Amino acid sequence: MLGKPKLPFIFSDANRLDHEFYSGYDERFLNRKVHVLGTLLESSDLLNQFVDTKNEPDEVVRMRHALAAEVLFTEFHQFESFFAMLVAPFQQLPHWIFLNTYSPGEIKSKARQFIAGEFKELSNNPASNRDVFLQDAVYHGYASGESEEEWKSTLENLWWIIYRMAEKYIAADEYNSYKHGLRMMSARSTLAMSGNPTDFSKAFVTHSHHSITHLKFDKTAQGTLVSIETKAFNPLESQAHVQIMADILANIKRIRLAALDGQERVEMTLFSKFDREALQKLVASQRWAFSA
């Protein structure tokens, strides 16, 4: 039995709708949330105001792990909305409607296309390569008045940071557990491995101040393999990523509003100077899984 045909959206003026959206859009909404969470994480005095340490001596530790996890999941929340903003200009719908109606899994599929370099598919044909996609997605086709070297460096840095965040988002099975009712655990973790199951005196040991343990599901020919995965993370990396996305979104908002107003020139922010080494030092790469 065929399903009912999908009815179109009814609206009068796409440009007016998008202008209304970008005029009121708060590009730093989630960044403010992460800033508050990060401030609480760093201050035991502030945390103690929310906890009865006399009756619950371990509650400060639990609270700190919960806050750190919330910073991580806010990064994934921000990336999904951030990447949806990048691809909005390539959709047939007004941006505001697309951003409210894209299907579950659609942004992850588009992030995979970005990783794979499938820019024609990602942009529905207009973008033939990475730089064209980024210029259209971030700068709405406006040309930079800066030097060619600085413009080239900006596009290279944008590709590097978006690729990095997209890889992390795509691999974030724990985010699905979070969205389905906090079916995961956040805590400090330790893994010890020894060739002798009765002697761990010379075992390899690794620690993480913050980690997420959740169920992982991998489809195989025989069925769905269930495992318990523990993945380390660094909330400082998430804070840095959310800050960068907020800065890029501020640039996108300003430029798209200028385009909707018919302005020929617009102030634009270049991203020619990322401290890649500092960001790389924030990566927590430990992860391990055991069959359930």
Protein backbone atom coordinates (compact mmCIF):
# COMPACT_ATOMS: atom_id res chain seq x y z
CA MET A 1 0.00 0.00 0.00
CA LEU A 2 1.45 3.33 -1.06
CA GLY A 3 1.85 6.01 1.59
CA LYS A 4 0.18 9.36 1.32
CA PRO A 5 2.07 11.88 -0.85
CA LYS A 6 4.04 14.43 1.12
CA LEU A 7 2.26 17.75 1.06
CA PRO A 8 4.29 20.92 0.40
CA PHE A 9 4.98 23.66 2.94
CA ILE A 10 2.82 26.71 2.40
CA PHE A 11 4.44 30.11 2.93
CA SER A 12 4.34 33.46 1.17
CA ASP A 13 7.90 34.84 1.13
CA ALA A 14 11.02 32.69 1.62
CA ASN A 15 13.37 35.69 1.95
CA ARG A 16 11.18 37.33 4.60
CA LEU A 17 11.05 34.04 6.50
CA ASP A 18 14.83 33.66 6.44
CA HIS A 19 15.37 37.32 7.37
CA GLU A 20 13.11 36.85 10.38
CA PHE A 21 15.10 33.77 11.38
CA TYR A 22 18.59 35.23 11.07
CA SER A 23 17.58 38.51 12.72
CA GLY A 24 16.56 36.66 15.88
CA TYR A 25 19.00 33.73 15.75
CA ASP A 26 21.28 33.46 18.81
CA GLU A 27 24.45 31.86 17.51
CA ARG A 28 25.99 31.74 21.00
CA PHE A 29 23.05 30.08 22.79
CA LEU A 30 24.81 26.75 23.39
CA ASN A 31 28.18 28.43 23.87
CA ARG A 32 26.74 30.31 26.85
CA LYS A 33 25.48 27.04 28.30
CA VAL A 34 28.93 25.45 27.94
CA HIS A 35 30.56 28.50 29.52
CA VAL A 36 28.35 28.16 32.61
CA LEU A 37 28.99 24.41 32.82
CA GLY A 38 32.73 24.93 32.44
CA THR A 39 32.76 27.58 35.18
CA LEU A 40 31.00 25.17 37.55
CA LEU A 41 33.42 22.38 36.64
CA GLU A 42 36.41 24.52 37.57
CA SER A 43 35.01 25.80 40.87
CA SER A 44 34.59 23.44 43.82
CA ASP A 45 33.23 26.33 45.87
CA LEU A 46 30.38 26.86 43.42
CA LEU A 47 29.64 23.13 43.25
CA ASN A 48 29.50 22.89 47.03
CA GLN A 49 26.63 25.37 47.05
CA PHE A 50 24.47 22.77 45.29
CA VAL A 51 25.53 19.73 47.29
CA ASP A 52 25.03 18.54 50.86
CA THR A 53 28.55 17.18 51.37
CA LYS A 54 27.80 16.10 54.94
CA ASN A 55 25.16 13.59 53.92
CA GLU A 56 26.47 12.89 50.42
CA PRO A 57 30.30 13.11 50.48
CA ASP A 58 30.66 11.70 46.92
CA GLU A 59 28.06 13.98 45.37
CA VAL A 60 30.57 16.65 44.30
CA VAL A 61 32.47 14.02 42.29
CA ARG A 62 29.24 12.76 40.71
CA MET A 63 28.17 16.31 39.95
CA ARG A 64 31.51 17.07 38.29
CA HIS A 65 31.25 13.98 36.05
CA ALA A 66 27.67 14.88 35.14
CA LEU A 67 28.65 18.44 34.21
CA ALA A 68 31.60 17.21 32.13
CA ALA A 69 29.33 14.80 30.26
CA GLU A 70 26.83 17.59 29.62
CA VAL A 71 29.62 19.69 28.07
CA LEU A 72 30.47 16.79 25.74
CA PHE A 73 26.88 16.23 24.66
CA THR A 74 26.35 19.95 24.15
CA GLU A 75 29.25 19.81 21.68
CA PHE A 76 27.40 17.13 19.67
CA HIS A 77 24.15 19.10 19.90
CA GLN A 78 25.97 22.20 18.68
CA PHE A 79 27.70 20.35 15.85
CA GLU A 80 24.44 18.94 14.50
CA SER A 81 22.83 22.37 14.37
CA PHE A 82 26.08 23.94 13.11
CA PHE A 83 26.42 21.50 10.21
CA ALA A 84 22.73 21.91 9.37
CA MET A 85 23.41 25.65 9.08
CA LEU A 86 26.32 24.95 6.71
CA VAL A 87 24.18 22.93 4.32
CA ALA A 88 21.00 25.04 4.60
CA PRO A 89 21.82 27.25 1.56
CA PHE A 90 21.94 24.18 -0.69
CA GLN A 91 18.38 23.05 0.15
CA GLN A 92 15.22 23.91 -1.77
CA LEU A 93 13.38 25.00 1.36
CA PRO A 94 13.82 28.30 3.22
CA HIS A 95 16.58 27.88 5.79
CA TRP A 96 14.30 28.18 8.80
CA ILE A 97 11.98 25.45 7.54
CA PHE A 98 14.85 23.11 6.62
CA LEU A 99 16.49 23.59 10.03
CA ASN A 100 13.23 22.57 11.71
CA THR A 101 12.30 19.64 9.49
CA TYR A 102 15.40 17.69 8.43
CA SER A 103 14.96 13.98 9.09
CA PRO A 104 16.66 11.96 11.86
CA GLY A 105 20.10 10.86 10.70
CA GLU A 106 20.16 13.33 7.79
CA ILE A 107 22.86 15.56 9.25
CA LYS A 108 25.05 12.58 10.13
CA SER A 109 24.71 11.36 6.52
CA LYS A 110 25.69 14.79 5.23
CA ALA A 111 28.66 14.90 7.63
CA ARG A 112 29.81 11.58 6.16
CA GLN A 113 29.63 13.11 2.68
CA PHE A 114 31.82 15.97 3.91
CA ILE A 115 34.38 13.51 5.29
CA ALA A 116 34.32 11.52 2.03
CA GLY A 117 34.82 14.65 -0.08
CA GLU A 118 31.46 14.19 -1.84
CA PHE A 119 30.80 17.91 -2.16
CA LYS A 120 28.61 17.74 -5.26
CA GLU A 121 26.25 15.36 -3.48
CA LEU A 122 26.44 17.36 -0.26
CA SER A 123 25.57 20.63 -2.02
CA ASN A 124 23.09 19.17 -4.54
CA ASN A 125 25.61 19.97 -7.33
CA PRO A 126 26.68 23.66 -6.92
CA ALA A 127 29.93 22.93 -5.03
CA SER A 128 32.45 21.06 -7.15
CA ASN A 129 35.12 20.88 -4.44
CA ARG A 130 35.90 21.56 -0.80
CA ASP A 131 36.85 25.23 -1.14
CA VAL A 132 33.77 26.11 -3.20
CA PHE A 133 31.55 24.40 -0.62
CA LEU A 134 33.16 26.27 2.29
CA GLN A 135 33.06 29.62 0.48
CA ASP A 136 29.35 29.18 -0.22
CA ALA A 137 28.45 27.65 3.16
CA VAL A 138 30.43 30.03 5.39
CA TYR A 139 30.80 33.16 3.25
CA HIS A 140 27.74 32.94 0.98
CA GLY A 141 29.94 33.41 -2.07
CA TYR A 142 31.32 36.78 -0.93
CA ALA A 143 34.96 37.28 -1.86
CA SER A 144 37.55 38.27 0.70
CA GLY A 145 39.48 41.50 0.32
CA GLU A 146 42.43 40.01 2.20
CA SER A 147 45.52 38.45 0.68
CA GLU A 148 45.20 35.24 -1.32
CA GLU A 149 47.46 33.49 1.21
CA GLU A 150 45.21 34.47 4.15
CA TRP A 151 42.08 33.41 2.27
CA LYS A 152 43.65 30.06 1.36
CA SER A 153 44.71 29.56 4.99
CA THR A 154 41.16 30.34 6.16
CA LEU A 155 39.60 27.72 3.88
CA GLU A 156 42.23 25.17 4.91
CA ASN A 157 41.61 25.82 8.62
CA LEU A 158 37.84 25.65 8.21
CA TRP A 159 38.16 22.32 6.45
CA TRP A 160 40.54 21.01 9.16
CA ILE A 161 38.36 21.95 12.13
CA ILE A 162 35.04 20.92 10.55
CA TYR A 163 36.52 17.59 9.43
CA ARG A 164 37.85 17.00 12.95
CA MET A 165 34.51 17.79 14.61
CA ALA A 166 32.55 15.80 12.01
CA GLU A 167 34.65 12.67 12.65
CA LYS A 168 34.01 12.98 16.37
CA TYR A 169 30.26 13.53 15.85
CA ILE A 170 29.89 10.59 13.47
CA ALA A 171 31.65 8.25 15.91
CA ALA A 172 29.60 9.46 18.90
CA ASP A 173 27.42 6.41 19.58
CA GLU A 174 27.21 7.62 23.16
CA TYR A 175 25.20 10.66 21.99
CA ASN A 176 22.41 8.34 20.88
CA SER A 177 22.37 6.76 24.36
CA TYR A 178 22.18 10.24 25.87
CA LYS A 179 19.25 11.27 23.66
CA HIS A 180 17.40 8.07 24.55
CA GLY A 181 17.14 8.86 28.23
CA LEU A 182 20.65 9.02 29.69
CA ARG A 183 21.32 5.32 29.15
CA MET A 184 25.01 5.73 29.80
CA MET A 185 27.38 6.29 32.73
CA SER A 186 29.86 9.11 33.24
CA ALA A 187 32.83 8.58 35.58
CA ARG A 188 36.59 8.36 35.95
CA SER A 189 37.85 5.15 34.32
CA THR A 190 40.85 2.84 34.53
CA LEU A 191 41.84 0.01 32.22
CA ALA A 192 44.48 -2.55 33.18
CA MET A 193 45.71 -5.21 30.74
CA SER A 194 47.95 -8.12 31.65
CA GLY A 195 49.08 -11.28 29.89
CA ASN A 196 48.63 -13.07 33.20
CA PRO A 197 45.04 -12.96 34.49
CA THR A 198 46.23 -13.61 38.06
CA ASP A 199 49.09 -11.08 38.13
CA PHE A 200 48.54 -7.41 37.30
CA SER A 201 51.77 -6.15 38.89
CA LYS A 202 53.24 -5.44 35.43
CA ALA A 203 50.00 -4.64 33.68
CA PHE A 204 49.54 -1.85 31.19
CA VAL A 205 47.29 0.72 32.90
CA THR A 206 45.56 3.76 31.44
CA HIS A 207 43.37 6.31 33.22
CA SER A 208 40.88 8.95 32.18
CA HIS A 209 39.50 11.70 34.39
CA HIS A 210 36.27 11.67 32.39
CA SER A 211 34.73 8.85 30.39
CA ILE A 212 31.37 7.64 29.10
CA THR A 213 30.31 3.98 29.30
CA HIS A 214 27.42 2.95 27.08
CA LEU A 215 26.08 0.11 24.96
CA LYS A 216 27.41 -0.08 21.42
CA PHE A 217 25.53 -1.87 18.61
CA ASP A 218 27.27 -3.13 15.47
CA LYS A 219 25.28 -4.82 12.72
CA THR A 220 26.80 -8.03 11.31
CA ALA A 221 25.58 -10.71 8.92
CA GLN A 222 24.64 -12.84 11.94
CA GLY A 223 22.81 -10.10 13.82
CA THR A 224 23.51 -7.05 15.96
CA LEU A 225 26.61 -7.40 18.11
CA VAL A 226 26.17 -5.77 21.52
CA SER A 227 29.22 -4.53 23.41
CA ILE A 228 29.94 -2.28 26.37
CA GLU A 229 32.16 0.62 25.31
CA THR A 230 34.03 3.06 27.50
CA LYS A 231 35.31 6.18 25.80
CA ALA A 232 37.47 8.85 27.39
CA PHE A 233 36.79 12.51 26.68
CA ASN A 234 38.12 15.92 27.61
CA PRO A 235 35.51 18.62 28.35
CA LEU A 236 38.09 21.29 27.54
CA GLU A 237 38.20 20.04 23.94
CA SER A 238 34.41 20.25 23.76
CA GLN A 239 34.48 23.79 25.15
CA ALA A 240 37.04 24.81 22.52
CA HIS A 241 35.00 23.24 19.70
CA VAL A 242 31.77 24.92 20.80
CA GLN A 243 33.54 28.30 20.99
CA ILE A 244 34.92 27.89 17.46
CA MET A 245 31.51 26.88 16.09
CA ALA A 246 29.92 29.91 17.74
CA ASP A 247 32.50 32.19 16.10
CA ILE A 248 31.87 30.65 12.67
CA LEU A 249 28.09 30.87 13.16
CA ALA A 250 28.38 34.56 14.08
CA ASN A 251 30.14 35.14 10.77
CA ILE A 252 27.51 33.11 8.88
CA LYS A 253 24.64 35.03 10.48
CA ARG A 254 26.14 38.44 9.67
CA ILE A 255 26.89 37.53 6.05
CA ARG A 256 23.54 35.86 5.32
CA LEU A 257 21.67 38.84 6.74
CA ALA A 258 23.74 41.14 4.54
CA ALA A 259 22.92 39.00 1.50
CA LEU A 260 19.19 39.06 2.33
CA ASP A 261 19.43 42.87 2.61
CA GLY A 262 21.09 43.06 -0.80
CA GLN A 263 24.39 44.44 0.49
CA GLU A 264 27.29 44.19 -1.95
CA ARG A 265 29.96 44.37 0.75
CA VAL A 266 29.97 42.85 4.21
CA GLU A 267 32.34 42.57 7.15
CA MET A 268 33.64 39.01 7.33
CA THR A 269 35.77 37.12 9.80
CA LEU A 270 38.67 35.06 8.50
CA PHE A 271 39.91 32.00 10.33
CA SER A 272 43.49 31.97 9.14
CA LYS A 273 45.08 31.38 12.54
CA PHE A 274 44.00 28.24 14.42
CA ASP A 275 46.30 26.84 17.09
CA ARG A 276 46.07 23.28 15.83
CA GLU A 277 48.76 22.04 18.19
CA ALA A 278 46.87 23.32 21.24
CA LEU A 279 43.64 21.72 20.04
CA GLN A 280 45.41 18.44 19.35
CA LYS A 281 46.72 18.32 22.93
CA LEU A 282 43.13 18.36 24.21
CA VAL A 283 42.20 15.10 22.47
CA ALA A 284 41.36 12.14 24.74
CA SER A 285 41.62 9.13 22.44
CA GLN A 286 41.36 6.16 24.82
CA ARG A 287 38.46 3.84 24.16
CA TRP A 288 37.81 0.18 24.77
CA ALA A 289 34.93 -2.24 24.44
CA PHE A 290 33.99 -5.68 25.76
CA SER A 291 31.34 -8.07 24.51
CA ALA A 292 28.14 -7.77 26.52
